[in-house]
Amino acid sequence: MTLVASLYLTVGVVGYLKYGSSICGSITLNLLNTDPLAQTVKILYSCTILCRLASAVLRSHAATNSMASPPVVEVG
């Protein structure tokens, strides 16, 4: 948790130092649209969001299926 908080704080401070008070809500909004590296970062960020969404949908689907099916009792 400390590592994540430190990284979050570092990115926030570096972003503020780079863009000053004109910083947007997300640091990716401050990147130039003509820069290929910035476009790559935005595309990879979008892919990450889509993969997390798909993962959440699959997990919720599995959870609802396990609740809906009755337990199997073996007689033997």
C-alpha atoms as a PDB file:
ATOM      1  CA  MET A   1       0.000   0.000   0.000  1.00  0.00           C
ATOM      2  CA  THR A   2       2.858   2.351   0.803  1.00  0.00           C
ATOM      3  CA  LEU A   3       4.463   1.650  -2.558  1.00  0.00           C
ATOM      4  CA  VAL A   4       1.249   2.424  -4.442  1.00  0.00           C
ATOM      5  CA  ALA A   5       0.698   5.625  -2.461  1.00  0.00           C
ATOM      6  CA  SER A   6       4.291   6.701  -3.103  1.00  0.00           C
ATOM      7  CA  LEU A   7       3.957   6.078  -6.841  1.00  0.00           C
ATOM      8  CA  TYR A   8       0.637   7.939  -6.944  1.00  0.00           C
ATOM      9  CA  LEU A   9       2.133  10.908  -5.101  1.00  0.00           C
ATOM     10  CA  THR A  10       5.229  10.924  -7.320  1.00  0.00           C
ATOM     11  CA  VAL A  11       3.188  10.908 -10.540  1.00  0.00           C
ATOM     12  CA  GLY A  12       0.969  13.676  -9.178  1.00  0.00           C
ATOM     13  CA  VAL A  13       3.874  15.900  -8.156  1.00  0.00           C
ATOM     14  CA  VAL A  14       5.762  15.344 -11.419  1.00  0.00           C
ATOM     15  CA  GLY A  15       2.597  16.070 -13.409  1.00  0.00           C
ATOM     16  CA  TYR A  16       2.007  19.289 -11.503  1.00  0.00           C
ATOM     17  CA  LEU A  17       5.631  20.364 -11.922  1.00  0.00           C
ATOM     18  CA  LYS A  18       5.429  19.664 -15.665  1.00  0.00           C
ATOM     19  CA  TYR A  19       2.086  21.336 -16.414  1.00  0.00           C
ATOM     20  CA  GLY A  20       1.627  23.763 -13.514  1.00  0.00           C
ATOM     21  CA  SER A  21      -1.773  25.057 -12.514  1.00  0.00           C
ATOM     22  CA  SER A  22      -3.182  24.443 -16.012  1.00  0.00           C
ATOM     23  CA  ILE A  23      -3.201  20.694 -15.365  1.00  0.00           C
ATOM     24  CA  CYS A  24      -6.321  18.803 -16.446  1.00  0.00           C
ATOM     25  CA  GLY A  25      -8.196  16.235 -14.372  1.00  0.00           C
ATOM     26  CA  SER A  26      -6.194  13.361 -15.835  1.00  0.00           C
ATOM     27  CA  ILE A  27      -2.519  13.614 -16.709  1.00  0.00           C
ATOM     28  CA  THR A  28      -3.182  11.874 -20.043  1.00  0.00           C
ATOM     29  CA  LEU A  29      -5.332  14.834 -21.129  1.00  0.00           C
ATOM     30  CA  ASN A  30      -2.229  17.038 -20.986  1.00  0.00           C
ATOM     31  CA  LEU A  31      -0.282  14.902 -23.452  1.00  0.00           C
ATOM     32  CA  LEU A  32       0.082  16.172 -27.009  1.00  0.00           C
ATOM     33  CA  ASN A  33      -2.162  14.503 -29.577  1.00  0.00           C
ATOM     34  CA  THR A  34       0.602  14.642 -32.192  1.00  0.00           C
ATOM     35  CA  ASP A  35       3.182  12.784 -30.099  1.00  0.00           C
ATOM     36  CA  PRO A  36       3.283   9.059 -31.028  1.00  0.00           C
ATOM     37  CA  LEU A  37       4.371   8.056 -27.515  1.00  0.00           C
ATOM     38  CA  ALA A  38       1.446   9.963 -26.000  1.00  0.00           C
ATOM     39  CA  GLN A  39      -0.966   8.265 -28.396  1.00  0.00           C
ATOM     40  CA  THR A  40       0.489   4.876 -27.453  1.00  0.00           C
ATOM     41  CA  VAL A  41       0.026   5.640 -23.751  1.00  0.00           C
ATOM     42  CA  LYS A  42      -3.608   6.627 -24.330  1.00  0.00           C
ATOM     43  CA  ILE A  43      -4.304   3.472 -26.359  1.00  0.00           C
ATOM     44  CA  LEU A  44      -2.698   1.207 -23.745  1.00  0.00           C
ATOM     45  CA  TYR A  45      -4.615   2.984 -20.976  1.00  0.00           C
ATOM     46  CA  SER A  46      -7.860   2.367 -22.882  1.00  0.00           C
ATOM     47  CA  CYS A  47      -6.976  -1.309 -23.354  1.00  0.00           C
ATOM     48  CA  THR A  48      -6.338  -1.620 -19.620  1.00  0.00           C
ATOM     49  CA  ILE A  49      -9.768  -0.192 -18.828  1.00  0.00           C
ATOM     50  CA  LEU A  50     -11.466  -2.545 -21.299  1.00  0.00           C
ATOM     51  CA  CYS A  51      -9.637  -5.593 -19.917  1.00  0.00           C
ATOM     52  CA  ARG A  52     -10.618  -4.696 -16.359  1.00  0.00           C
ATOM     53  CA  LEU A  53     -14.228  -4.263 -17.431  1.00  0.00           C
ATOM     54  CA  ALA A  54     -14.233  -7.653 -19.147  1.00  0.00           C
ATOM     55  CA  SER A  55     -12.673  -9.236 -16.069  1.00  0.00           C
ATOM     56  CA  ALA A  56     -15.333  -7.733 -13.797  1.00  0.00           C
ATOM     57  CA  VAL A  57     -18.140  -8.930 -16.075  1.00  0.00           C
ATOM     58  CA  LEU A  58     -16.738 -12.465 -16.210  1.00  0.00           C
ATOM     59  CA  ARG A  59     -16.318 -12.609 -12.429  1.00  0.00           C
ATOM     60  CA  SER A  60     -19.850 -11.370 -11.798  1.00  0.00           C
ATOM     61  CA  HIS A  61     -21.211 -13.838 -14.364  1.00  0.00           C
ATOM     62  CA  ALA A  62     -19.446 -16.726 -12.633  1.00  0.00           C
ATOM     63  CA  ALA A  63     -20.712 -15.589  -9.237  1.00  0.00           C
ATOM     64  CA  THR A  64     -24.336 -15.336 -10.365  1.00  0.00           C
ATOM     65  CA  ASN A  65     -24.167 -18.729 -12.094  1.00  0.00           C
ATOM     66  CA  SER A  66     -22.873 -20.396  -8.954  1.00  0.00           C
ATOM     67  CA  MET A  67     -25.706 -18.874  -6.907  1.00  0.00           C
ATOM     68  CA  ALA A  68     -28.392 -19.822  -9.431  1.00  0.00           C
ATOM     69  CA  SER A  69     -27.547 -23.498  -9.797  1.00  0.00           C
ATOM     70  CA  PRO A  70     -28.615 -25.837  -6.995  1.00  0.00           C
ATOM     71  CA  PRO A  71     -25.919 -27.739  -5.148  1.00  0.00           C
ATOM     72  CA  VAL A  72     -25.240 -31.248  -6.392  1.00  0.00           C
ATOM     73  CA  VAL A  73     -25.656 -33.967  -3.795  1.00  0.00           C
ATOM     74  CA  GLU A  74     -24.147 -37.343  -4.546  1.00  0.00           C
ATOM     75  CA  VAL A  75     -25.905 -40.356  -3.096  1.00  0.00           C
ATOM     76  CA  GLY A  76     -23.719 -43.279  -2.881  1.00  0.00           C
END
